[in-house]
C-alpha atoms as a PDB file:
ATOM      1  CA  MET A   1       0.000   0.000   0.000  1.00  0.00           C
ATOM      2  CA  THR A   2       1.323   3.464  -0.855  1.00  0.00           C
ATOM      3  CA  GLY A   3       0.364   6.941   0.314  1.00  0.00           C
ATOM      4  CA  ASN A   4      -1.595   7.987   3.373  1.00  0.00           C
ATOM      5  CA  PRO A   5      -4.716   5.830   3.736  1.00  0.00           C
ATOM      6  CA  PHE A   6      -6.290   8.510   5.977  1.00  0.00           C
ATOM      7  CA  ALA A   7      -5.847  11.381   3.505  1.00  0.00           C
ATOM      8  CA  PRO A   8      -8.972  12.663   1.773  1.00  0.00           C
ATOM      9  CA  PRO A   9      -9.365  11.568  -1.849  1.00  0.00           C
ATOM     10  CA  ASP A  10      -7.719  13.787  -4.422  1.00  0.00           C
ATOM     11  CA  ASP A  11     -10.594  15.516  -6.181  1.00  0.00           C
ATOM     12  CA  GLY A  12      -8.298  17.789  -8.158  1.00  0.00           C
ATOM     13  CA  PRO A  13      -8.042  21.544  -7.706  1.00  0.00           C
ATOM     14  CA  ALA A  14     -10.296  23.146  -5.095  1.00  0.00           C
ATOM     15  CA  TRP A  15     -11.986  25.361  -7.708  1.00  0.00           C
ATOM     16  CA  ARG A  16     -13.487  22.250  -9.349  1.00  0.00           C
ATOM     17  CA  ARG A  17     -15.527  21.626  -6.193  1.00  0.00           C
ATOM     18  CA  HIS A  18     -17.082  25.109  -6.313  1.00  0.00           C
ATOM     19  CA  PRO A  19     -20.830  24.670  -6.898  1.00  0.00           C
ATOM     20  CA  HIS A  20     -20.899  27.219  -9.743  1.00  0.00           C
ATOM     21  CA  ALA A  21     -17.631  26.354 -11.509  1.00  0.00           C
ATOM     22  CA  PRO A  22     -18.329  25.795 -15.202  1.00  0.00           C
ATOM     23  CA  ALA A  23     -18.342  22.147 -16.183  1.00  0.00           C
ATOM     24  CA  PRO A  24     -15.967  20.825 -18.833  1.00  0.00           C
ATOM     25  CA  ALA A  25     -17.210  21.651 -22.354  1.00  0.00           C
ATOM     26  CA  THR A  26     -19.080  24.774 -21.169  1.00  0.00           C
ATOM     27  CA  VAL A  27     -18.892  27.430 -23.892  1.00  0.00           C
ATOM     28  CA  LEU A  28     -17.329  30.591 -22.434  1.00  0.00           C
ATOM     29  CA  GLY A  29     -17.575  32.823 -25.489  1.00  0.00           C
ATOM     30  CA  ARG A  30     -15.613  33.571 -28.636  1.00  0.00           C
ATOM     31  CA  ILE A  31     -12.077  34.844 -29.040  1.00  0.00           C
ATOM     32  CA  ASP A  32     -13.244  37.725 -31.241  1.00  0.00           C
ATOM     33  CA  GLU A  33     -15.337  39.034 -28.304  1.00  0.00           C
ATOM     34  CA  ILE A  34     -12.119  39.840 -26.397  1.00  0.00           C
ATOM     35  CA  GLU A  35      -9.812  42.707 -27.366  1.00  0.00           C
ATOM     36  CA  ASP A  36      -6.265  41.771 -28.351  1.00  0.00           C
ATOM     37  CA  PRO A  37      -4.665  41.987 -25.857  1.00  0.00           C
ATOM     38  CA  GLY A  38      -7.579  41.996 -23.474  1.00  0.00           C
ATOM     39  CA  VAL A  39      -9.380  40.505 -20.503  1.00  0.00           C
ATOM     40  CA  ARG A  40     -12.961  39.323 -20.197  1.00  0.00           C
ATOM     41  CA  PRO A  41     -14.279  38.719 -16.666  1.00  0.00           C
ATOM     42  CA  LEU A  42     -16.904  35.974 -16.332  1.00  0.00           C
ATOM     43  CA  ALA A  43     -19.098  35.131 -13.350  1.00  0.00           C
ATOM     44  CA  PHE A  44     -21.199  32.051 -12.705  1.00  0.00           C
ATOM     45  CA  GLY A  45     -23.757  32.061  -9.903  1.00  0.00           C
ATOM     46  CA  ALA A  46     -24.489  35.064  -7.700  1.00  0.00           C
ATOM     47  CA  GLY A  47     -23.873  36.582  -4.304  1.00  0.00           C
ATOM     48  CA  ARG A  48     -21.346  35.062  -1.941  1.00  0.00           C
ATOM     49  CA  ARG A  49     -21.216  31.824  -3.937  1.00  0.00           C
ATOM     50  CA  VAL A  50     -20.243  33.391  -7.273  1.00  0.00           C
ATOM     51  CA  PHE A  51     -17.472  31.740  -9.291  1.00  0.00           C
ATOM     52  CA  SER A  52     -15.409  34.437 -11.010  1.00  0.00           C
ATOM     53  CA  MET A  53     -12.800  33.889 -13.687  1.00  0.00           C
ATOM     54  CA  LEU A  54     -10.803  35.883 -16.216  1.00  0.00           C
ATOM     55  CA  LEU A  55     -10.233  35.061 -19.870  1.00  0.00           C
ATOM     56  CA  VAL A  56      -7.016  36.668 -21.114  1.00  0.00           C
ATOM     57  CA  ARG A  57      -6.402  37.039 -24.835  1.00  0.00           C
ATOM     58  CA  ARG A  58      -2.940  37.555 -26.265  1.00  0.00           C
ATOM     59  CA  GLY A  59      -2.980  37.177 -30.042  1.00  0.00           C
ATOM     60  CA  GLU A  60      -4.624  33.903 -30.965  1.00  0.00           C
ATOM     61  CA  THR A  61      -4.096  32.468 -27.475  1.00  0.00           C
ATOM     62  CA  VAL A  62      -6.556  32.484 -24.576  1.00  0.00           C
ATOM     63  CA  HIS A  63      -5.612  31.754 -20.961  1.00  0.00           C
ATOM     64  CA  ALA A  64      -7.997  31.532 -18.011  1.00  0.00           C
ATOM     65  CA  PHE A  65      -7.482  32.254 -14.328  1.00  0.00           C
ATOM     66  CA  LEU A  66      -9.566  32.265 -11.199  1.00  0.00           C
ATOM     67  CA  ASP A  67     -10.374  35.923 -10.502  1.00  0.00           C
ATOM     68  CA  ALA A  68      -8.912  35.782  -6.998  1.00  0.00           C
ATOM     69  CA  CYS A  69      -5.732  37.378  -5.720  1.00  0.00           C
ATOM     70  CA  PRO A  70      -3.775  34.752  -3.780  1.00  0.00           C
ATOM     71  CA  HIS A  71      -2.625  37.464  -1.358  1.00  0.00           C
ATOM     72  CA  ALA A  72      -5.855  39.225  -0.409  1.00  0.00           C
ATOM     73  CA  TYR A  73      -8.456  36.611  -1.525  1.00  0.00           C
ATOM     74  CA  LEU A  74     -10.450  39.328  -3.269  1.00  0.00           C
ATOM     75  CA  PRO A  75     -11.089  39.402  -7.009  1.00  0.00           C
ATOM     76  CA  LEU A  76      -8.316  41.038  -9.030  1.00  0.00           C
ATOM     77  CA  THR A  77     -11.178  43.013 -10.588  1.00  0.00           C
ATOM     78  CA  TRP A  78     -12.677  44.103  -7.243  1.00  0.00           C
ATOM     79  CA  ARG A  79     -12.018  47.800  -7.958  1.00  0.00           C
ATOM     80  CA  GLY A  80     -12.461  47.640 -11.719  1.00  0.00           C
ATOM     81  CA  SER A  81     -12.025  45.355 -14.687  1.00  0.00           C
ATOM     82  CA  SER A  82      -8.929  47.127 -16.107  1.00  0.00           C
ATOM     83  CA  VAL A  83      -6.426  44.623 -14.748  1.00  0.00           C
ATOM     84  CA  LEU A  84      -4.311  43.993 -17.857  1.00  0.00           C
ATOM     85  CA  SER A  85      -1.141  46.059 -18.290  1.00  0.00           C
ATOM     86  CA  ALA A  86      -0.848  48.222 -21.400  1.00  0.00           C
ATOM     87  CA  ASP A  87       1.607  45.775 -22.978  1.00  0.00           C
ATOM     88  CA  GLY A  88      -0.741  42.829 -22.324  1.00  0.00           C
ATOM     89  CA  ARG A  89       1.887  40.854 -20.414  1.00  0.00           C
ATOM     90  CA  ARG A  90       0.809  41.362 -16.796  1.00  0.00           C
ATOM     91  CA  LEU A  91      -2.369  41.092 -14.743  1.00  0.00           C
ATOM     92  CA  VAL A  92      -2.378  43.723 -12.013  1.00  0.00           C
ATOM     93  CA  CYS A  93      -4.481  43.288  -8.868  1.00  0.00           C
ATOM     94  CA  SER A  94      -6.788  46.302  -8.505  1.00  0.00           C
ATOM     95  CA  ASN A  95      -6.586  46.001  -4.702  1.00  0.00           C
ATOM     96  CA  HIS A  96      -2.864  46.182  -3.946  1.00  0.00           C
ATOM     97  CA  PHE A  97      -1.179  46.154  -7.373  1.00  0.00           C
ATOM     98  CA  ALA A  98       0.501  42.752  -7.188  1.00  0.00           C
ATOM     99  CA  GLU A  99       1.491  41.698 -10.698  1.00  0.00           C
ATOM    100  CA  PHE A 100       1.120  38.288 -12.329  1.00  0.00           C
ATOM    101  CA  ASP A 101       2.242  36.942 -15.696  1.00  0.00           C
ATOM    102  CA  ALA A 102      -0.763  37.049 -18.057  1.00  0.00           C
ATOM    103  CA  GLY A 103       0.399  33.843 -19.752  1.00  0.00           C
ATOM    104  CA  ASP A 104       0.864  31.503 -16.817  1.00  0.00           C
ATOM    105  CA  GLY A 105      -0.316  33.416 -13.706  1.00  0.00           C
ATOM    106  CA  SER A 106       3.073  33.310 -11.969  1.00  0.00           C
ATOM    107  CA  PRO A 107       3.865  36.172  -9.554  1.00  0.00           C
ATOM    108  CA  ILE A 108       6.015  39.018 -10.877  1.00  0.00           C
ATOM    109  CA  SER A 109       5.956  41.690  -8.165  1.00  0.00           C
ATOM    110  CA  GLY A 110       4.103  42.778  -5.054  1.00  0.00           C
ATOM    111  CA  PRO A 111       3.151  41.057  -1.806  1.00  0.00           C
ATOM    112  CA  ALA A 112       1.800  37.885  -3.397  1.00  0.00           C
ATOM    113  CA  ASP A 113       4.377  35.093  -3.323  1.00  0.00           C
ATOM    114  CA  CYS A 114       2.274  32.575  -5.217  1.00  0.00           C
ATOM    115  CA  GLY A 115       0.555  32.718  -8.573  1.00  0.00           C
ATOM    116  CA  LEU A 116      -2.972  32.769  -9.834  1.00  0.00           C
ATOM    117  CA  ASP A 117      -4.989  29.579 -10.180  1.00  0.00           C
ATOM    118  CA  VAL A 118      -4.907  28.521 -13.825  1.00  0.00           C
ATOM    119  CA  LEU A 119      -8.165  27.224 -15.269  1.00  0.00           C
ATOM    120  CA  PRO A 120      -8.210  24.854 -18.247  1.00  0.00           C
ATOM    121  CA  VAL A 121      -9.711  26.255 -21.433  1.00  0.00           C
ATOM    122  CA  ARG A 122      -9.317  25.379 -25.071  1.00  0.00           C
ATOM    123  CA  LEU A 123      -9.832  27.339 -28.242  1.00  0.00           C
ATOM    124  CA  GLU A 124     -11.834  25.545 -30.902  1.00  0.00           C
ATOM    125  CA  PRO A 125     -10.950  26.007 -34.606  1.00  0.00           C
ATOM    126  CA  ASP A 126     -14.065  28.190 -35.077  1.00  0.00           C
ATOM    127  CA  GLY A 127     -12.908  30.619 -32.327  1.00  0.00           C
ATOM    128  CA  THR A 128     -15.152  29.292 -29.557  1.00  0.00           C
ATOM    129  CA  ILE A 129     -13.593  29.215 -26.093  1.00  0.00           C
ATOM    130  CA  VAL A 130     -14.544  26.113 -24.124  1.00  0.00           C
ATOM    131  CA  MET A 131     -13.901  25.093 -20.534  1.00  0.00           C
ATOM    132  CA  GLY A 132     -11.383  22.242 -20.567  1.00  0.00           C
END
């Protein structure tokens, strides 16, 4: 027997257990609906149980992140949706200005010492963005 028999089962990332997280194959929109470079915030559910995410477009690539600063646990967009740097390379927390790489969510500067939670998405040949 390997591993800890008393450990809870591995259900994957915590965000997958959120009651309003989009299921795999959920259509999230189209790439041409997002400026290049640009960010599109999405929310599923309402109130305290809302699931918020960001779609980030850079050219013909789309990345997705949980809209939650790992430092303050507030949405990056809490004070406004303009969280992408002018050059399209960094996401900037609107609360305390921590910066994260817009391609992989890794921390760049500020008080956050860990990165953003990456969410799986895929871009279909017709430009549709789908939850992975």
